[in-house]
């Protein structure tokens, strides 16, 4: 999956685009995925994470160690 957040699990959702004449066509809402590189002091190395913009703010709040622990609890490799 390309547009997938490792921390929150955010992924694309689907809906309709409504034109001015009210015709409906399918569209896809992608999460704002960013590649971020963090220093992981417990392991003495950098980790590269694919995070949504909201998850980047979460990492700043809870810390990198706790975020990586949550990602590993979801079963993803870091």
C-alpha atoms as a PDB file:
ATOM      1  CA  UNK A   1       0.000   0.000   0.000  1.00  0.00           C
ATOM      2  CA  UNK A   2       1.508   3.275  -1.026  1.00  0.00           C
ATOM      3  CA  UNK A   3      -0.657   5.786   0.865  1.00  0.00           C
ATOM      4  CA  UNK A   4      -0.585   4.108   4.282  1.00  0.00           C
ATOM      5  CA  UNK A   5       0.507   5.567   7.635  1.00  0.00           C
ATOM      6  CA  UNK A   6       2.625   3.258   9.771  1.00  0.00           C
ATOM      7  CA  UNK A   7       1.525   4.785  13.098  1.00  0.00           C
ATOM      8  CA  UNK A   8      -2.189   5.524  12.725  1.00  0.00           C
ATOM      9  CA  UNK A   9      -3.007   3.118   9.906  1.00  0.00           C
ATOM     10  CA  UNK A  10      -4.612   5.924   7.880  1.00  0.00           C
ATOM     11  CA  UNK A  11      -5.270   4.834   4.317  1.00  0.00           C
ATOM     12  CA  UNK A  12      -7.215   6.122   1.318  1.00  0.00           C
ATOM     13  CA  UNK A  13     -10.983   6.431   1.545  1.00  0.00           C
ATOM     14  CA  UNK A  14     -13.332   6.715  -1.403  1.00  0.00           C
ATOM     15  CA  UNK A  15     -16.170   9.090  -2.105  1.00  0.00           C
ATOM     16  CA  UNK A  16     -17.814  11.167  -4.811  1.00  0.00           C
ATOM     17  CA  UNK A  17     -16.764  14.360  -6.533  1.00  0.00           C
ATOM     18  CA  UNK A  18     -19.801  16.552  -7.191  1.00  0.00           C
ATOM     19  CA  UNK A  19     -19.574  18.952 -10.125  1.00  0.00           C
ATOM     20  CA  UNK A  20     -21.425  22.236 -10.473  1.00  0.00           C
ATOM     21  CA  UNK A  21     -24.130  20.447 -12.447  1.00  0.00           C
ATOM     22  CA  UNK A  22     -24.321  17.911  -9.586  1.00  0.00           C
ATOM     23  CA  UNK A  23     -22.950  14.976 -11.588  1.00  0.00           C
ATOM     24  CA  UNK A  24     -21.202  12.511  -9.297  1.00  0.00           C
ATOM     25  CA  UNK A  25     -17.969  10.757 -10.159  1.00  0.00           C
ATOM     26  CA  UNK A  26     -15.813   8.564  -7.952  1.00  0.00           C
ATOM     27  CA  UNK A  27     -12.700   9.953  -6.345  1.00  0.00           C
ATOM     28  CA  UNK A  28     -10.112   8.956  -3.783  1.00  0.00           C
ATOM     29  CA  UNK A  29      -9.094  10.870  -0.644  1.00  0.00           C
ATOM     30  CA  UNK A  30      -5.446  10.129   0.164  1.00  0.00           C
ATOM     31  CA  UNK A  31      -3.907  10.822   3.586  1.00  0.00           C
ATOM     32  CA  UNK A  32      -1.086  13.361   3.722  1.00  0.00           C
ATOM     33  CA  UNK A  33       1.809  10.866   3.882  1.00  0.00           C
ATOM     34  CA  UNK A  34       5.322  12.155   4.634  1.00  0.00           C
ATOM     35  CA  UNK A  35       8.627  10.302   4.853  1.00  0.00           C
ATOM     36  CA  UNK A  36      10.354  11.264   8.112  1.00  0.00           C
ATOM     37  CA  UNK A  37      13.703  10.192   9.519  1.00  0.00           C
ATOM     38  CA  UNK A  38      14.013  10.023  13.312  1.00  0.00           C
ATOM     39  CA  UNK A  39      16.911   9.205  15.628  1.00  0.00           C
ATOM     40  CA  UNK A  40      16.054   6.224  17.820  1.00  0.00           C
ATOM     41  CA  UNK A  41      18.303   6.621  20.896  1.00  0.00           C
ATOM     42  CA  UNK A  42      17.423   3.229  22.405  1.00  0.00           C
ATOM     43  CA  UNK A  43      18.840   1.408  19.382  1.00  0.00           C
ATOM     44  CA  UNK A  44      21.473   3.979  18.411  1.00  0.00           C
ATOM     45  CA  UNK A  45      20.256   4.317  14.824  1.00  0.00           C
ATOM     46  CA  UNK A  46      17.978   6.307  12.560  1.00  0.00           C
ATOM     47  CA  UNK A  47      14.585   4.985  11.478  1.00  0.00           C
ATOM     48  CA  UNK A  48      12.693   6.108   8.397  1.00  0.00           C
ATOM     49  CA  UNK A  49       8.919   6.189   8.878  1.00  0.00           C
ATOM     50  CA  UNK A  50       6.012   6.821   6.477  1.00  0.00           C
ATOM     51  CA  UNK A  51       3.656   8.944   8.559  1.00  0.00           C
ATOM     52  CA  UNK A  52       0.581  11.057   7.995  1.00  0.00           C
ATOM     53  CA  UNK A  53       0.810  14.725   8.969  1.00  0.00           C
ATOM     54  CA  UNK A  54      -1.339  14.005  12.028  1.00  0.00           C
ATOM     55  CA  UNK A  55       0.980  11.139  13.063  1.00  0.00           C
ATOM     56  CA  UNK A  56       4.025  13.452  12.821  1.00  0.00           C
ATOM     57  CA  UNK A  57       2.368  15.660  15.465  1.00  0.00           C
ATOM     58  CA  UNK A  58       1.640  12.552  17.546  1.00  0.00           C
ATOM     59  CA  UNK A  59       5.319  11.544  17.426  1.00  0.00           C
ATOM     60  CA  UNK A  60       6.294  14.998  18.694  1.00  0.00           C
ATOM     61  CA  UNK A  61       3.825  14.585  21.571  1.00  0.00           C
ATOM     62  CA  UNK A  62       4.499  11.005  22.719  1.00  0.00           C
ATOM     63  CA  UNK A  63       8.120  10.656  21.588  1.00  0.00           C
ATOM     64  CA  UNK A  64       9.868   8.490  19.032  1.00  0.00           C
ATOM     65  CA  UNK A  65      10.380   5.486  21.321  1.00  0.00           C
ATOM     66  CA  UNK A  66       6.670   5.222  22.181  1.00  0.00           C
ATOM     67  CA  UNK A  67       5.680   5.730  18.535  1.00  0.00           C
ATOM     68  CA  UNK A  68       8.000   2.949  17.347  1.00  0.00           C
ATOM     69  CA  UNK A  69       6.633   0.698  20.115  1.00  0.00           C
ATOM     70  CA  UNK A  70       3.077   1.340  18.833  1.00  0.00           C
ATOM     71  CA  UNK A  71       4.136   0.599  15.248  1.00  0.00           C
ATOM     72  CA  UNK A  72       5.755  -2.669  16.305  1.00  0.00           C
ATOM     73  CA  UNK A  73       2.644  -3.568  18.343  1.00  0.00           C
ATOM     74  CA  UNK A  74       0.622  -3.257  15.122  1.00  0.00           C
ATOM     75  CA  UNK A  75       2.942  -5.887  13.635  1.00  0.00           C
ATOM     76  CA  UNK A  76       4.907  -3.650  11.242  1.00  0.00           C
ATOM     77  CA  UNK A  77       8.651  -3.808  10.823  1.00  0.00           C
ATOM     78  CA  UNK A  78      10.754  -0.732  11.631  1.00  0.00           C
END
